[in-house]
């Protein structure tokens, strides 16, 4: 399996006053990276699929 890396920028609102990031945000980071991975790696056919 090919390894995918996405450099997620830390948002200002993600850190508390001490600069700590809450562990509850990591699933959100993984979801954003997964979405970007699919956008970058899956072929596009130029067709917009609508339901």
C-alpha atoms as a PDB file:
ATOM      1  CA  UNK A   1       0.000   0.000   0.000  1.00  0.00           C
ATOM      2  CA  UNK A   2       1.259   3.442  -0.916  1.00  0.00           C
ATOM      3  CA  UNK A   3       1.877   5.860   1.962  1.00  0.00           C
ATOM      4  CA  UNK A   4       0.074   9.206   1.793  1.00  0.00           C
ATOM      5  CA  UNK A   5       1.263  12.284   3.672  1.00  0.00           C
ATOM      6  CA  UNK A   6      -0.688  15.500   4.066  1.00  0.00           C
ATOM      7  CA  UNK A   7       0.826  18.479   5.882  1.00  0.00           C
ATOM      8  CA  UNK A   8      -2.217  19.749   7.734  1.00  0.00           C
ATOM      9  CA  UNK A   9      -1.840  23.366   8.792  1.00  0.00           C
ATOM     10  CA  UNK A  10      -2.676  23.963  12.459  1.00  0.00           C
ATOM     11  CA  UNK A  11      -5.547  26.382  12.778  1.00  0.00           C
ATOM     12  CA  UNK A  12      -5.497  29.107  15.395  1.00  0.00           C
ATOM     13  CA  UNK A  13      -8.719  27.821  16.975  1.00  0.00           C
ATOM     14  CA  UNK A  14      -7.312  24.277  17.343  1.00  0.00           C
ATOM     15  CA  UNK A  15      -4.932  25.229  20.157  1.00  0.00           C
ATOM     16  CA  UNK A  16      -5.783  26.429  23.651  1.00  0.00           C
ATOM     17  CA  UNK A  17      -4.143  29.355  25.460  1.00  0.00           C
ATOM     18  CA  UNK A  18      -1.133  27.146  26.302  1.00  0.00           C
ATOM     19  CA  UNK A  19      -0.630  26.001  22.701  1.00  0.00           C
ATOM     20  CA  UNK A  20      -1.955  22.483  23.340  1.00  0.00           C
ATOM     21  CA  UNK A  21      -4.152  20.722  20.799  1.00  0.00           C
ATOM     22  CA  UNK A  22      -7.068  18.732  22.179  1.00  0.00           C
ATOM     23  CA  UNK A  23      -6.921  14.998  21.346  1.00  0.00           C
ATOM     24  CA  UNK A  24     -10.551  15.145  20.231  1.00  0.00           C
ATOM     25  CA  UNK A  25      -9.449  17.061  17.115  1.00  0.00           C
ATOM     26  CA  UNK A  26      -7.305  14.254  15.691  1.00  0.00           C
ATOM     27  CA  UNK A  27     -10.246  12.376  14.083  1.00  0.00           C
ATOM     28  CA  UNK A  28     -11.140  15.635  12.321  1.00  0.00           C
ATOM     29  CA  UNK A  29      -7.551  15.919  11.052  1.00  0.00           C
ATOM     30  CA  UNK A  30      -7.656  12.343   9.790  1.00  0.00           C
ATOM     31  CA  UNK A  31     -10.955  12.997   8.002  1.00  0.00           C
ATOM     32  CA  UNK A  32      -9.529  16.065   6.271  1.00  0.00           C
ATOM     33  CA  UNK A  33      -6.411  14.143   5.204  1.00  0.00           C
ATOM     34  CA  UNK A  34      -8.551  11.248   3.913  1.00  0.00           C
ATOM     35  CA  UNK A  35     -10.704  13.620   1.876  1.00  0.00           C
ATOM     36  CA  UNK A  36      -7.633  15.304   0.378  1.00  0.00           C
ATOM     37  CA  UNK A  37      -6.097  11.926  -0.407  1.00  0.00           C
ATOM     38  CA  UNK A  38      -9.163  10.817  -2.356  1.00  0.00           C
ATOM     39  CA  UNK A  39      -9.293  14.131  -4.217  1.00  0.00           C
ATOM     40  CA  UNK A  40      -5.633  13.830  -5.227  1.00  0.00           C
ATOM     41  CA  UNK A  41      -5.353  10.096  -5.926  1.00  0.00           C
ATOM     42  CA  UNK A  42      -8.630   9.075  -7.535  1.00  0.00           C
ATOM     43  CA  UNK A  43      -8.918   9.625 -11.273  1.00  0.00           C
ATOM     44  CA  UNK A  44     -11.411  12.180 -12.438  1.00  0.00           C
ATOM     45  CA  UNK A  45     -13.547  11.471 -15.468  1.00  0.00           C
ATOM     46  CA  UNK A  46     -14.698  15.054 -15.972  1.00  0.00           C
ATOM     47  CA  UNK A  47     -18.268  14.009 -15.147  1.00  0.00           C
ATOM     48  CA  UNK A  48     -20.093  15.506 -12.172  1.00  0.00           C
ATOM     49  CA  UNK A  49     -22.115  12.802 -10.456  1.00  0.00           C
ATOM     50  CA  UNK A  50     -25.401  14.043  -9.021  1.00  0.00           C
ATOM     51  CA  UNK A  51     -27.906  12.079  -6.996  1.00  0.00           C
END
